[in-house]
Structures are given as structure tokens and as C-alpha cells.
N, C-alpha and C. Protein backbone atom coordinates (compact mmCIF):
# COMPACT_ATOMS: atom_id res chain seq x y z
N MET A 1 -2.79 -18.17 16.81
CA MET A 1 -2.94 -16.74 16.62
C MET A 1 -4.16 -16.27 17.43
N ASP A 2 -3.99 -15.24 18.16
CA ASP A 2 -5.05 -14.71 19.00
C ASP A 2 -5.72 -13.52 18.31
N GLY A 3 -6.94 -13.74 17.81
CA GLY A 3 -7.66 -12.70 17.08
C GLY A 3 -7.93 -11.46 17.90
N ASP A 4 -8.22 -11.64 19.19
CA ASP A 4 -8.50 -10.48 20.04
C ASP A 4 -7.26 -9.61 20.20
N LEU A 5 -6.11 -10.23 20.39
CA LEU A 5 -4.87 -9.46 20.51
C LEU A 5 -4.54 -8.74 19.21
N ARG A 6 -4.74 -9.42 18.09
CA ARG A 6 -4.47 -8.79 16.79
C ARG A 6 -5.40 -7.59 16.58
N ARG A 7 -6.67 -7.75 16.91
CA ARG A 7 -7.60 -6.62 16.79
C ARG A 7 -7.19 -5.47 17.70
N ALA A 8 -6.73 -5.79 18.90
CA ALA A 8 -6.28 -4.75 19.84
C ALA A 8 -5.08 -3.99 19.27
N VAL A 9 -4.18 -4.72 18.64
CA VAL A 9 -3.01 -4.07 18.02
C VAL A 9 -3.46 -3.15 16.90
N VAL A 10 -4.39 -3.62 16.06
CA VAL A 10 -4.88 -2.80 14.95
C VAL A 10 -5.55 -1.53 15.49
N VAL A 11 -6.34 -1.66 16.53
CA VAL A 11 -7.00 -0.50 17.13
C VAL A 11 -5.94 0.48 17.66
N THR A 12 -4.95 -0.05 18.37
CA THR A 12 -3.90 0.80 18.95
C THR A 12 -3.11 1.50 17.85
N LEU A 13 -2.73 0.76 16.81
CA LEU A 13 -1.99 1.38 15.70
C LEU A 13 -2.86 2.40 14.97
N GLY A 14 -4.16 2.12 14.86
CA GLY A 14 -5.07 3.09 14.25
C GLY A 14 -5.11 4.38 15.04
N GLU A 15 -5.10 4.27 16.36
CA GLU A 15 -5.07 5.47 17.21
C GLU A 15 -3.75 6.21 17.06
N LEU A 16 -2.64 5.45 17.02
CA LEU A 16 -1.33 6.09 16.82
C LEU A 16 -1.30 6.80 15.46
N GLY A 17 -1.99 6.23 14.49
CA GLY A 17 -2.06 6.83 13.16
C GLY A 17 -2.83 8.13 13.12
N ARG A 18 -3.47 8.50 14.20
CA ARG A 18 -4.18 9.79 14.29
C ARG A 18 -3.38 10.84 15.06
N SER A 19 -2.16 10.49 15.42
CA SER A 19 -1.31 11.39 16.18
C SER A 19 -1.03 12.67 15.40
N ASP A 20 -0.72 13.74 16.12
CA ASP A 20 -0.30 14.98 15.49
C ASP A 20 1.14 14.90 14.99
N ASP A 21 1.89 13.94 15.50
CA ASP A 21 3.30 13.79 15.15
C ASP A 21 3.44 12.88 13.91
N TRP A 22 4.04 13.39 12.85
CA TRP A 22 4.20 12.64 11.61
C TRP A 22 4.99 11.36 11.81
N ARG A 23 5.93 11.37 12.78
CA ARG A 23 6.72 10.16 13.04
C ARG A 23 5.85 9.05 13.60
N ASP A 24 4.92 9.39 14.47
CA ASP A 24 3.98 8.41 14.99
C ASP A 24 3.12 7.83 13.87
N ARG A 25 2.62 8.72 13.00
CA ARG A 25 1.77 8.26 11.91
C ARG A 25 2.54 7.36 10.95
N ALA A 26 3.79 7.72 10.65
CA ALA A 26 4.61 6.89 9.76
C ALA A 26 4.87 5.52 10.37
N ASP A 27 5.20 5.49 11.66
CA ASP A 27 5.41 4.21 12.35
C ASP A 27 4.13 3.39 12.36
N ALA A 28 3.02 4.04 12.61
CA ALA A 28 1.73 3.33 12.63
C ALA A 28 1.41 2.73 11.26
N GLY A 29 1.62 3.50 10.21
CA GLY A 29 1.33 3.01 8.86
C GLY A 29 2.21 1.84 8.47
N HIS A 30 3.49 1.97 8.77
CA HIS A 30 4.43 0.90 8.45
C HIS A 30 4.07 -0.38 9.21
N SER A 31 3.75 -0.25 10.48
CA SER A 31 3.42 -1.41 11.31
C SER A 31 2.05 -1.98 10.98
N LEU A 32 1.10 -1.10 10.74
CA LEU A 32 -0.26 -1.53 10.45
C LEU A 32 -0.33 -2.32 9.14
N ALA A 33 0.58 -2.07 8.23
CA ALA A 33 0.61 -2.82 6.97
C ALA A 33 0.71 -4.32 7.22
N GLY A 34 1.36 -4.71 8.30
CA GLY A 34 1.48 -6.13 8.65
C GLY A 34 0.16 -6.77 9.04
N PHE A 35 -0.86 -5.95 9.28
CA PHE A 35 -2.18 -6.43 9.68
C PHE A 35 -3.23 -6.10 8.61
N ALA A 36 -2.79 -5.80 7.40
CA ALA A 36 -3.68 -5.32 6.35
C ALA A 36 -4.79 -6.29 5.99
N GLU A 37 -4.59 -7.57 6.28
CA GLU A 37 -5.63 -8.56 5.95
C GLU A 37 -6.84 -8.46 6.87
N MET A 38 -6.68 -7.74 7.96
CA MET A 38 -7.80 -7.59 8.90
C MET A 38 -8.70 -6.44 8.44
N PRO A 39 -9.99 -6.68 8.35
CA PRO A 39 -10.90 -5.63 7.86
C PRO A 39 -10.80 -4.32 8.63
N GLU A 40 -10.49 -4.41 9.92
CA GLU A 40 -10.38 -3.21 10.76
C GLU A 40 -9.20 -2.32 10.37
N ALA A 41 -8.25 -2.88 9.62
CA ALA A 41 -7.04 -2.13 9.27
C ALA A 41 -7.21 -1.32 7.99
N GLU A 42 -8.18 -1.66 7.16
CA GLU A 42 -8.28 -1.03 5.84
C GLU A 42 -8.46 0.48 5.91
N GLU A 43 -9.41 0.95 6.68
CA GLU A 43 -9.68 2.39 6.74
C GLU A 43 -8.49 3.18 7.28
N PRO A 44 -7.88 2.75 8.40
CA PRO A 44 -6.71 3.51 8.86
C PRO A 44 -5.56 3.49 7.86
N LEU A 45 -5.38 2.37 7.17
CA LEU A 45 -4.30 2.29 6.17
C LEU A 45 -4.56 3.24 5.01
N LEU A 46 -5.78 3.27 4.52
CA LEU A 46 -6.11 4.21 3.43
C LEU A 46 -5.87 5.64 3.88
N ARG A 47 -6.29 5.95 5.11
CA ARG A 47 -6.09 7.31 5.63
C ARG A 47 -4.60 7.65 5.69
N LEU A 48 -3.77 6.69 6.09
CA LEU A 48 -2.34 6.95 6.23
C LEU A 48 -1.63 7.02 4.87
N VAL A 49 -2.07 6.23 3.90
CA VAL A 49 -1.48 6.34 2.56
C VAL A 49 -1.77 7.73 2.00
N LEU A 50 -2.92 8.27 2.32
CA LEU A 50 -3.30 9.59 1.81
C LEU A 50 -3.15 10.68 2.87
N ASP A 51 -2.20 10.48 3.79
CA ASP A 51 -1.99 11.40 4.91
C ASP A 51 -1.88 12.85 4.43
N PRO A 52 -2.75 13.73 4.92
CA PRO A 52 -2.71 15.12 4.46
C PRO A 52 -1.58 15.94 5.06
N GLY A 53 -0.95 15.44 6.13
CA GLY A 53 0.03 16.24 6.84
C GLY A 53 1.47 16.04 6.43
N ASP A 54 1.81 14.85 5.90
CA ASP A 54 3.22 14.59 5.60
C ASP A 54 3.33 13.43 4.62
N THR A 55 4.00 13.66 3.51
CA THR A 55 4.13 12.62 2.49
C THR A 55 5.10 11.50 2.91
N PHE A 56 5.89 11.71 3.97
CA PHE A 56 6.72 10.62 4.49
C PHE A 56 5.81 9.51 5.02
N VAL A 57 4.69 9.89 5.60
CA VAL A 57 3.72 8.91 6.09
C VAL A 57 3.17 8.12 4.90
N THR A 58 2.85 8.82 3.83
CA THR A 58 2.38 8.17 2.60
C THR A 58 3.41 7.15 2.13
N ARG A 59 4.65 7.57 2.03
CA ARG A 59 5.70 6.69 1.51
C ARG A 59 5.91 5.47 2.40
N GLN A 60 6.02 5.66 3.71
CA GLN A 60 6.26 4.55 4.65
C GLN A 60 5.10 3.55 4.64
N THR A 61 3.89 4.05 4.66
CA THR A 61 2.72 3.18 4.68
C THR A 61 2.62 2.40 3.37
N THR A 62 2.81 3.10 2.26
CA THR A 62 2.74 2.45 0.96
C THR A 62 3.82 1.38 0.82
N GLU A 63 5.04 1.68 1.22
CA GLU A 63 6.10 0.68 1.15
C GLU A 63 5.76 -0.54 1.99
N GLY A 64 5.24 -0.33 3.18
CA GLY A 64 4.85 -1.45 4.03
C GLY A 64 3.80 -2.32 3.36
N LEU A 65 2.81 -1.70 2.75
CA LEU A 65 1.77 -2.46 2.06
C LEU A 65 2.32 -3.20 0.85
N LEU A 66 3.17 -2.56 0.08
CA LEU A 66 3.72 -3.19 -1.12
C LEU A 66 4.68 -4.33 -0.77
N ARG A 67 5.40 -4.19 0.32
CA ARG A 67 6.34 -5.24 0.74
C ARG A 67 5.64 -6.54 1.14
N ARG A 68 4.34 -6.47 1.38
CA ARG A 68 3.58 -7.68 1.64
C ARG A 68 3.57 -8.58 0.39
N ARG A 69 3.63 -7.91 -0.76
CA ARG A 69 3.61 -8.61 -2.04
C ARG A 69 2.41 -9.55 -2.15
N ASP A 70 1.25 -9.02 -1.75
CA ASP A 70 0.03 -9.82 -1.84
C ASP A 70 -1.13 -8.97 -2.32
N ARG A 71 -2.22 -9.64 -2.59
CA ARG A 71 -3.42 -8.98 -3.12
C ARG A 71 -3.96 -7.93 -2.16
N VAL A 72 -3.93 -8.22 -0.87
CA VAL A 72 -4.47 -7.28 0.13
C VAL A 72 -3.71 -5.96 0.10
N GLY A 73 -2.38 -6.04 0.17
CA GLY A 73 -1.57 -4.83 0.17
C GLY A 73 -1.73 -4.03 -1.11
N LEU A 74 -1.70 -4.74 -2.25
CA LEU A 74 -1.85 -4.05 -3.54
C LEU A 74 -3.24 -3.44 -3.68
N SER A 75 -4.25 -4.11 -3.15
CA SER A 75 -5.61 -3.61 -3.24
C SER A 75 -5.76 -2.28 -2.48
N ILE A 76 -5.18 -2.20 -1.31
CA ILE A 76 -5.27 -0.96 -0.53
C ILE A 76 -4.51 0.17 -1.23
N VAL A 77 -3.34 -0.15 -1.75
CA VAL A 77 -2.58 0.87 -2.48
C VAL A 77 -3.35 1.31 -3.72
N ALA A 78 -3.93 0.36 -4.44
CA ALA A 78 -4.71 0.70 -5.64
C ALA A 78 -5.89 1.59 -5.28
N SER A 79 -6.58 1.25 -4.21
CA SER A 79 -7.73 2.04 -3.77
C SER A 79 -7.32 3.48 -3.45
N ALA A 80 -6.19 3.63 -2.79
CA ALA A 80 -5.70 4.98 -2.47
C ALA A 80 -5.24 5.71 -3.74
N LEU A 81 -4.57 4.99 -4.62
CA LEU A 81 -4.06 5.59 -5.85
C LEU A 81 -5.19 6.13 -6.73
N ALA A 82 -6.33 5.49 -6.67
CA ALA A 82 -7.48 5.92 -7.48
C ALA A 82 -7.96 7.32 -7.12
N VAL A 83 -7.76 7.72 -5.87
CA VAL A 83 -8.27 9.03 -5.43
C VAL A 83 -7.16 9.99 -5.01
N ALA A 84 -5.92 9.56 -5.16
CA ALA A 84 -4.78 10.37 -4.70
C ALA A 84 -4.62 11.63 -5.55
N ASN A 85 -4.24 12.73 -4.89
CA ASN A 85 -3.89 13.92 -5.64
C ASN A 85 -2.51 13.69 -6.26
N ASP A 86 -2.07 14.62 -7.10
CA ASP A 86 -0.80 14.44 -7.81
C ASP A 86 0.38 14.26 -6.87
N ASN A 87 0.40 15.02 -5.78
CA ASN A 87 1.51 14.94 -4.83
C ASN A 87 1.57 13.56 -4.19
N HIS A 88 0.44 13.07 -3.68
CA HIS A 88 0.42 11.74 -3.08
C HIS A 88 0.73 10.67 -4.13
N ALA A 89 0.20 10.83 -5.33
CA ALA A 89 0.46 9.85 -6.39
C ALA A 89 1.96 9.75 -6.68
N ASP A 90 2.66 10.88 -6.63
CA ASP A 90 4.12 10.85 -6.85
C ASP A 90 4.83 10.03 -5.78
N TYR A 91 4.43 10.19 -4.53
CA TYR A 91 5.06 9.44 -3.45
C TYR A 91 4.67 7.96 -3.47
N ILE A 92 3.45 7.68 -3.87
CA ILE A 92 3.04 6.29 -4.03
C ILE A 92 3.85 5.65 -5.15
N HIS A 93 4.00 6.37 -6.25
CA HIS A 93 4.80 5.87 -7.38
C HIS A 93 6.25 5.62 -6.96
N ALA A 94 6.81 6.52 -6.19
CA ALA A 94 8.20 6.34 -5.72
C ALA A 94 8.32 5.07 -4.89
N ALA A 95 7.33 4.79 -4.05
CA ALA A 95 7.35 3.56 -3.25
C ALA A 95 7.23 2.34 -4.14
N ILE A 96 6.41 2.41 -5.17
CA ILE A 96 6.25 1.30 -6.12
C ILE A 96 7.58 0.98 -6.78
N VAL A 97 8.24 1.99 -7.27
CA VAL A 97 9.54 1.79 -7.92
C VAL A 97 10.55 1.23 -6.93
N TYR A 98 10.59 1.76 -5.73
CA TYR A 98 11.54 1.33 -4.71
C TYR A 98 11.36 -0.15 -4.37
N VAL A 99 10.13 -0.58 -4.21
CA VAL A 99 9.85 -1.96 -3.79
C VAL A 99 10.01 -2.96 -4.92
N PHE A 100 9.65 -2.58 -6.14
CA PHE A 100 9.59 -3.56 -7.22
C PHE A 100 10.68 -3.43 -8.28
N SER A 101 11.72 -2.66 -8.02
CA SER A 101 12.74 -2.47 -9.06
C SER A 101 13.92 -3.44 -8.96
N ILE A 102 13.90 -4.36 -8.00
CA ILE A 102 15.02 -5.29 -7.84
C ILE A 102 14.76 -6.62 -8.55
N PHE A 103 13.78 -7.37 -8.09
CA PHE A 103 13.55 -8.73 -8.59
C PHE A 103 12.41 -8.79 -9.60
N SER A 104 12.69 -9.34 -10.78
CA SER A 104 11.65 -9.45 -11.80
C SER A 104 10.52 -10.36 -11.35
N SER A 105 10.82 -11.35 -10.54
CA SER A 105 9.76 -12.26 -10.07
C SER A 105 8.75 -11.51 -9.20
N ASP A 106 9.21 -10.60 -8.36
CA ASP A 106 8.30 -9.79 -7.54
C ASP A 106 7.45 -8.88 -8.42
N LEU A 107 8.09 -8.27 -9.40
CA LEU A 107 7.38 -7.39 -10.32
C LEU A 107 6.34 -8.17 -11.12
N ASP A 108 6.72 -9.33 -11.63
CA ASP A 108 5.78 -10.15 -12.41
C ASP A 108 4.56 -10.54 -11.59
N GLU A 109 4.78 -10.92 -10.34
CA GLU A 109 3.67 -11.29 -9.46
C GLU A 109 2.78 -10.09 -9.19
N ALA A 110 3.36 -8.92 -8.97
CA ALA A 110 2.56 -7.71 -8.74
C ALA A 110 1.73 -7.36 -9.98
N LEU A 111 2.31 -7.50 -11.15
CA LEU A 111 1.56 -7.24 -12.38
C LEU A 111 0.39 -8.23 -12.52
N ARG A 112 0.63 -9.48 -12.18
CA ARG A 112 -0.42 -10.50 -12.25
C ARG A 112 -1.55 -10.15 -11.27
N LEU A 113 -1.18 -9.77 -10.06
CA LEU A 113 -2.19 -9.40 -9.07
C LEU A 113 -3.00 -8.17 -9.50
N CYS A 114 -2.33 -7.22 -10.14
CA CYS A 114 -3.03 -6.03 -10.64
C CYS A 114 -4.06 -6.41 -11.71
N GLU A 115 -3.71 -7.38 -12.53
CA GLU A 115 -4.66 -7.84 -13.55
C GLU A 115 -5.88 -8.46 -12.87
N GLU A 116 -5.66 -9.21 -11.81
CA GLU A 116 -6.79 -9.77 -11.04
C GLU A 116 -7.64 -8.64 -10.44
N LEU A 117 -6.96 -7.65 -9.87
CA LEU A 117 -7.68 -6.54 -9.23
C LEU A 117 -8.48 -5.72 -10.23
N SER A 118 -8.09 -5.73 -11.51
CA SER A 118 -8.84 -4.94 -12.47
C SER A 118 -10.22 -5.50 -12.78
N SER A 119 -10.53 -6.65 -12.20
CA SER A 119 -11.90 -7.17 -12.33
C SER A 119 -12.59 -7.23 -10.97
N ASP A 120 -12.10 -6.44 -10.02
CA ASP A 120 -12.69 -6.36 -8.69
C ASP A 120 -14.09 -5.73 -8.78
N THR A 121 -14.89 -5.93 -7.78
CA THR A 121 -16.24 -5.35 -7.77
C THR A 121 -16.23 -3.88 -7.34
N ASP A 122 -15.16 -3.43 -6.71
CA ASP A 122 -15.04 -2.04 -6.26
C ASP A 122 -14.42 -1.20 -7.38
N ASP A 123 -15.17 -0.24 -7.90
CA ASP A 123 -14.69 0.59 -9.01
C ASP A 123 -13.41 1.33 -8.67
N ARG A 124 -13.28 1.74 -7.42
CA ARG A 124 -12.08 2.46 -7.01
C ARG A 124 -10.86 1.55 -7.09
N VAL A 125 -11.00 0.31 -6.67
CA VAL A 125 -9.89 -0.65 -6.76
C VAL A 125 -9.54 -0.89 -8.23
N VAL A 126 -10.55 -1.01 -9.07
CA VAL A 126 -10.33 -1.26 -10.50
C VAL A 126 -9.53 -0.11 -11.12
N LEU A 127 -9.96 1.11 -10.87
CA LEU A 127 -9.25 2.29 -11.41
C LEU A 127 -7.83 2.34 -10.88
N GLY A 128 -7.68 2.17 -9.58
CA GLY A 128 -6.34 2.21 -8.99
C GLY A 128 -5.46 1.08 -9.48
N ALA A 129 -6.03 -0.10 -9.69
CA ALA A 129 -5.25 -1.24 -10.18
C ALA A 129 -4.71 -0.95 -11.58
N ARG A 130 -5.49 -0.28 -12.38
CA ARG A 130 -5.00 0.11 -13.73
C ARG A 130 -3.84 1.09 -13.62
N ARG A 131 -3.97 2.05 -12.74
CA ARG A 131 -2.88 3.03 -12.53
C ARG A 131 -1.64 2.34 -11.95
N LEU A 132 -1.86 1.44 -11.02
CA LEU A 132 -0.76 0.70 -10.42
C LEU A 132 -0.07 -0.16 -11.47
N HIS A 133 -0.85 -0.80 -12.32
CA HIS A 133 -0.29 -1.63 -13.39
C HIS A 133 0.57 -0.77 -14.33
N GLU A 134 0.10 0.43 -14.65
CA GLU A 134 0.87 1.34 -15.51
C GLU A 134 2.22 1.67 -14.87
N SER A 135 2.20 1.97 -13.57
CA SER A 135 3.45 2.29 -12.87
C SER A 135 4.39 1.10 -12.86
N LEU A 136 3.85 -0.06 -12.57
CA LEU A 136 4.67 -1.28 -12.52
C LEU A 136 5.25 -1.60 -13.90
N SER A 137 4.49 -1.35 -14.95
CA SER A 137 4.93 -1.67 -16.31
C SER A 137 6.13 -0.84 -16.75
N GLU A 138 6.32 0.29 -16.10
CA GLU A 138 7.45 1.17 -16.46
C GLU A 138 8.78 0.71 -15.81
N ILE A 139 8.70 -0.21 -14.88
CA ILE A 139 9.88 -0.61 -14.11
C ILE A 139 10.69 -1.66 -14.88
N ASN A 140 11.99 -1.45 -14.90
CA ASN A 140 12.92 -2.42 -15.47
C ASN A 140 13.76 -2.96 -14.32
N PRO A 141 13.39 -4.13 -13.78
CA PRO A 141 14.07 -4.63 -12.59
C PRO A 141 15.54 -4.97 -12.83
N VAL A 142 16.31 -4.87 -11.77
CA VAL A 142 17.75 -5.11 -11.84
C VAL A 142 18.06 -6.59 -12.06
N LEU A 143 17.38 -7.45 -11.34
CA LEU A 143 17.67 -8.88 -11.38
C LEU A 143 16.51 -9.63 -12.06
N ARG A 144 16.85 -10.30 -13.15
CA ARG A 144 15.87 -11.06 -13.91
C ARG A 144 16.17 -12.54 -13.80
N ARG A 145 15.11 -13.32 -13.92
CA ARG A 145 15.30 -14.78 -13.96
C ARG A 145 16.05 -15.15 -15.22
N SER A 146 16.89 -16.16 -15.12
CA SER A 146 17.63 -16.57 -16.32
C SER A 146 16.95 -17.73 -17.00
């Protein structure tokens, strides 16, 4: 893995995420989610989850982060959820339901990760993790382990 190339991609996607075109920002958010573990990606991802211009950007970026099904993705979503206005929170919630309503194993893992995040050192992550846990707890997945 080439760290310099990955950083260059994150920088480029961050710039695309500042476009005036909502389609560019949505594509940037969705793609940038794949690089969420890189510290340089956190700020642009938070900005795109809370995109002031179009909630489609919020939904696409949030889905990309949640589809990672890892602590990094959930942490960024939690951080955004902690400060989201009602409109953004609704779109974040819709993405949560969309991503975690199929497999109970995915939902269980997300709930476990949220419990871990509720003892994070960042108060914003802690608050958002509690809200995220509440949203996840309302989901009744289609496919359960037997």
C-alpha cells in the first residue's frame, strides 16, 4: 500500500467534496468513506455528512461510512450525529436503517461498537454514539441467526 498515493486520493476527494455540484460532493463522500481510517479524511467526511447544501450528500456519505461496519466509520457518523440538526439527523437515521436492517449479525456488531464508543475520550463521539445506539436499537433486522 502506498501511503503517499492514498493521501493524494484523500486530498483530491476532499477537494471534490467542496464542489458546488451536489453530485460531486455525494460521490466524494461515498468514495472518501473508503479512506476513513486516514486522519486526513475525518474533517472532510464530517463536513460531507453535515452537508448544508443537499441531504443526498448526507445520505450517501453516511451510508458509505456505515457500510464499513467498523469503529472508524461509526465514530465519524456518531460525531456528526451529535451536532446534526433535525433534518440531517433524519437522513442519518434513514441511512442507519437502510444499512443495518438486513442482517442481525451486522446490527449486533454495530451495537457492540457503539457501546465501545460510549466510553470514548471525545464527548461529541460519546453523545453521538448514544444517539446512534438508540437508532440501532429500534431496528428489527430481516435475517437473524438461527
